[in-house]
């Protein structure tokens, strides 16, 4: 009589965590499109801007970039999360969820509105539609901004080789710049785009560089 080896029926041991190169590449490409799309956006969000030749390409480009960043975020979170947990770990989890909700939901919806709705109606009607949807989209927009801030703070508290303190500084400065310009129009000098566009580019640079480093 033969006795089967215990190894033949035992469950396979889980492989150790490894860097998800596919998601990291997706993250880097998404961050690049996020930055490029915002660079294409007119400096002012006005009725004339809706008819600018770069209006549709800008929104479609950074919307695709936002979705790709959302898909690639797990690679960044896994790469920078420390095993000791604690408050910082919870902060990173909240940042991940908030960013995913904002990038994968509110940005594509907003881009669809700007490209396929705003261009087919007058400015007043487009504003009314935007106001009607604010109850749903405004909290998601706040979640996006909160996610960027929490991710930046985590980088400052728990810097990693692929996502150091400079990444946190870039994202925090960029997010604060775009938040103030968008929520308190006129407080900062010049067109709102002078502050929002560099802010999104700063976010894209920090996250894109992290994606490239993780993918190596």
Protein backbone atom coordinates (compact mmCIF):
# COMPACT_ATOMS: atom_id res chain seq x y z
CA UNK A 1 0.00 0.00 0.00
CA UNK A 2 1.32 3.42 -0.88
CA UNK A 3 0.89 6.43 1.32
CA UNK A 4 0.27 9.73 -0.42
CA UNK A 5 2.56 12.54 0.45
CA UNK A 6 0.88 15.23 2.59
CA UNK A 7 2.13 17.75 0.06
CA UNK A 8 -0.20 16.36 -2.61
CA UNK A 9 -3.32 17.51 -0.79
CA UNK A 10 -2.03 20.51 1.14
CA UNK A 11 -3.01 23.94 -0.17
CA UNK A 12 -0.34 25.79 -2.05
CA UNK A 13 1.55 28.38 -0.07
CA UNK A 14 0.67 31.89 -1.22
CA UNK A 15 3.40 33.56 -3.18
CA UNK A 16 4.99 36.56 -1.49
CA UNK A 17 3.75 39.99 -2.59
CA UNK A 18 5.43 41.33 -5.70
CA UNK A 19 5.34 44.58 -7.64
CA UNK A 20 2.54 44.71 -10.10
CA UNK A 21 4.37 46.06 -13.13
CA UNK A 22 1.26 46.20 -15.29
CA UNK A 23 -0.59 48.39 -12.83
CA UNK A 24 2.50 50.52 -12.29
CA UNK A 25 2.82 51.17 -16.02
CA UNK A 26 -0.89 51.98 -16.15
CA UNK A 27 -0.40 54.40 -13.26
CA UNK A 28 2.49 56.15 -15.02
CA UNK A 29 0.64 56.45 -18.34
CA UNK A 30 -2.47 57.71 -16.55
CA UNK A 31 -0.47 60.35 -14.67
CA UNK A 32 1.10 61.51 -17.93
CA UNK A 33 -2.29 61.85 -19.63
CA UNK A 34 -3.65 63.61 -16.53
CA UNK A 35 -0.91 66.23 -16.81
CA UNK A 36 -1.04 66.58 -20.61
CA UNK A 37 -4.83 66.84 -20.69
CA UNK A 38 -4.81 69.63 -18.15
CA UNK A 39 -2.05 71.44 -20.04
CA UNK A 40 -4.34 71.47 -23.08
CA UNK A 41 -7.19 73.04 -21.11
CA UNK A 42 -7.91 76.75 -21.71
CA UNK A 43 -6.80 79.03 -18.90
CA UNK A 44 -10.36 80.17 -18.21
CA UNK A 45 -13.49 78.09 -17.82
CA UNK A 46 -15.81 80.33 -19.80
CA UNK A 47 -18.39 80.24 -22.58
CA UNK A 48 -15.70 81.10 -25.13
CA UNK A 49 -13.42 78.36 -23.80
CA UNK A 50 -16.06 75.73 -24.62
CA UNK A 51 -15.49 76.45 -28.30
CA UNK A 52 -11.68 76.35 -28.11
CA UNK A 53 -10.09 73.67 -30.33
CA UNK A 54 -8.37 72.08 -27.34
CA UNK A 55 -11.53 71.91 -25.19
CA UNK A 56 -12.63 68.38 -26.10
CA UNK A 57 -9.11 66.87 -26.41
CA UNK A 58 -8.18 68.28 -23.00
CA UNK A 59 -11.15 66.80 -21.17
CA UNK A 60 -11.02 63.45 -22.93
CA UNK A 61 -7.27 63.14 -22.35
CA UNK A 62 -7.27 63.86 -18.65
CA UNK A 63 -10.44 61.79 -18.13
CA UNK A 64 -8.74 58.73 -19.63
CA UNK A 65 -5.68 59.55 -17.53
CA UNK A 66 -7.81 59.72 -14.38
CA UNK A 67 -9.32 56.29 -14.99
CA UNK A 68 -5.90 54.77 -15.70
CA UNK A 69 -4.51 56.29 -12.51
CA UNK A 70 -7.42 54.79 -10.57
CA UNK A 71 -6.66 51.38 -12.06
CA UNK A 72 -2.96 51.70 -11.25
CA UNK A 73 -3.32 53.03 -7.71
CA UNK A 74 -3.10 49.60 -6.02
CA UNK A 75 0.48 49.26 -7.27
CA UNK A 76 1.44 52.52 -5.59
CA UNK A 77 -0.40 51.69 -2.37
CA UNK A 78 1.26 48.26 -2.12
CA UNK A 79 4.69 49.72 -2.84
CA UNK A 80 4.57 52.38 -0.12
CA UNK A 81 2.48 50.76 2.61
CA UNK A 82 4.48 49.90 5.75
CA UNK A 83 3.74 46.62 7.57
CA UNK A 84 3.44 48.24 10.99
CA UNK A 85 -0.03 49.63 10.22
CA UNK A 86 -1.37 52.26 12.58
CA UNK A 87 -2.93 55.62 11.82
CA UNK A 88 -0.75 56.20 8.76
CA UNK A 89 -1.90 52.92 7.23
CA UNK A 90 -5.52 53.91 7.75
CA UNK A 91 -4.75 57.27 6.16
CA UNK A 92 -3.33 55.52 3.10
CA UNK A 93 -6.40 53.29 2.81
CA UNK A 94 -8.69 56.33 2.99
CA UNK A 95 -6.55 58.12 0.41
CA UNK A 96 -6.83 55.14 -1.93
CA UNK A 97 -10.62 54.96 -1.63
CA UNK A 98 -11.09 58.70 -1.99
CA UNK A 99 -8.82 58.95 -5.01
CA UNK A 100 -10.48 56.00 -6.71
CA UNK A 101 -13.95 57.50 -6.24
CA UNK A 102 -12.84 60.85 -7.60
CA UNK A 103 -10.67 59.65 -10.47
CA UNK A 104 -12.89 56.82 -11.68
CA UNK A 105 -16.28 58.51 -11.21
CA UNK A 106 -16.36 62.29 -10.93
CA UNK A 107 -13.64 63.12 -13.49
CA UNK A 108 -15.15 61.02 -16.33
CA UNK A 109 -18.65 62.32 -15.56
CA UNK A 110 -17.40 65.89 -15.53
CA UNK A 111 -15.50 65.38 -18.79
CA UNK A 112 -18.59 63.89 -20.45
CA UNK A 113 -20.63 66.91 -19.36
CA UNK A 114 -18.07 69.40 -20.65
CA UNK A 115 -17.50 67.66 -24.02
CA UNK A 116 -20.94 66.33 -24.93
CA UNK A 117 -23.37 68.53 -22.97
CA UNK A 118 -21.82 71.97 -22.57
CA UNK A 119 -20.96 72.20 -26.24
CA UNK A 120 -24.59 71.53 -27.29
CA UNK A 121 -26.40 73.98 -25.02
CA UNK A 122 -25.98 77.61 -24.02
CA UNK A 123 -23.74 78.51 -21.08
CA UNK A 124 -26.70 79.23 -18.78
CA UNK A 125 -28.27 75.82 -19.38
CA UNK A 126 -24.94 74.06 -18.91
CA UNK A 127 -24.51 75.85 -15.58
CA UNK A 128 -28.00 74.81 -14.49
CA UNK A 129 -27.25 71.17 -15.30
CA UNK A 130 -23.98 71.37 -13.37
CA UNK A 131 -25.75 72.94 -10.39
CA UNK A 132 -28.41 70.21 -10.43
CA UNK A 133 -25.76 67.50 -10.24
CA UNK A 134 -23.71 69.23 -7.55
CA UNK A 135 -25.37 67.31 -4.71
CA UNK A 136 -23.81 64.11 -6.04
CA UNK A 137 -20.64 65.29 -7.74
CA UNK A 138 -19.51 67.90 -5.20
CA UNK A 139 -18.84 65.32 -2.42
CA UNK A 140 -16.95 63.15 -4.91
CA UNK A 141 -14.89 66.16 -5.98
CA UNK A 142 -14.07 66.83 -2.33
CA UNK A 143 -13.14 63.17 -1.94
CA UNK A 144 -10.68 63.51 -4.82
CA UNK A 145 -9.01 66.53 -3.25
CA UNK A 146 -8.96 64.85 0.16
CA UNK A 147 -7.40 61.75 -1.39
CA UNK A 148 -4.56 63.77 -2.91
CA UNK A 149 -3.93 65.56 0.40
CA UNK A 150 -3.90 62.32 2.41
CA UNK A 151 -1.57 60.67 -0.09
CA UNK A 152 0.76 63.65 0.15
CA UNK A 153 0.72 63.64 3.95
CA UNK A 154 1.45 59.92 3.96
CA UNK A 155 4.49 60.52 1.74
CA UNK A 156 5.70 63.16 4.16
CA UNK A 157 5.22 60.90 7.19
CA UNK A 158 6.32 57.61 5.62
CA UNK A 159 8.61 58.43 2.69
CA UNK A 160 9.51 55.49 0.45
CA UNK A 161 12.18 54.97 -2.17
CA UNK A 162 9.61 55.21 -4.97
CA UNK A 163 7.53 57.95 -3.35
CA UNK A 164 9.59 60.26 -1.19
CA UNK A 165 8.87 63.47 0.66
CA UNK A 166 9.39 65.54 -2.50
CA UNK A 167 6.41 63.68 -3.98
CA UNK A 168 4.30 64.68 -1.01
CA UNK A 169 5.40 68.32 -1.28
CA UNK A 170 4.56 68.44 -5.01
CA UNK A 171 1.13 66.87 -4.59
CA UNK A 172 0.24 68.94 -1.53
CA UNK A 173 1.30 72.23 -3.14
CA UNK A 174 -0.48 71.38 -6.38
CA UNK A 175 -3.68 70.29 -4.65
CA UNK A 176 -3.83 73.37 -2.43
CA UNK A 177 -3.21 75.61 -5.44
CA UNK A 178 -6.01 74.09 -7.52
CA UNK A 179 -8.39 73.95 -4.54
CA UNK A 180 -8.04 77.62 -3.69
CA UNK A 181 -8.32 78.70 -7.33
CA UNK A 182 -11.43 76.57 -7.93
CA UNK A 183 -13.28 77.23 -4.68
CA UNK A 184 -12.42 80.89 -4.10
CA UNK A 185 -12.36 82.48 -7.57
CA UNK A 186 -10.52 85.80 -7.69
CA UNK A 187 -8.49 85.23 -4.54
CA UNK A 188 -5.39 84.34 -6.53
CA UNK A 189 -4.23 86.74 -9.29
CA UNK A 190 -4.74 85.93 -12.95
CA UNK A 191 -6.86 83.28 -14.61
CA UNK A 192 -7.80 80.20 -12.60
CA UNK A 193 -5.88 78.05 -15.06
CA UNK A 194 -2.60 79.62 -13.96
CA UNK A 195 -3.08 77.85 -10.62
CA UNK A 196 -5.16 74.75 -11.43
CA UNK A 197 -3.14 73.54 -14.42
CA UNK A 198 0.29 73.60 -12.69
CA UNK A 199 -1.36 71.92 -9.71
CA UNK A 200 -2.55 68.97 -11.76
CA UNK A 201 0.81 68.77 -13.53
CA UNK A 202 2.56 68.58 -10.14
CA UNK A 203 0.26 65.71 -9.16
CA UNK A 204 0.91 63.96 -12.45
CA UNK A 205 4.70 64.30 -12.16
CA UNK A 206 4.86 62.91 -8.63
CA UNK A 207 2.54 59.96 -9.31
CA UNK A 208 3.98 59.28 -12.77
CA UNK A 209 7.55 59.10 -11.49
CA UNK A 210 6.40 56.69 -8.78
CA UNK A 211 4.74 54.51 -11.41
CA UNK A 212 7.93 54.37 -13.47
CA UNK A 213 10.04 53.51 -10.43
CA UNK A 214 7.66 50.75 -9.31
CA UNK A 215 7.57 49.25 -12.80
CA UNK A 216 11.36 48.86 -12.98
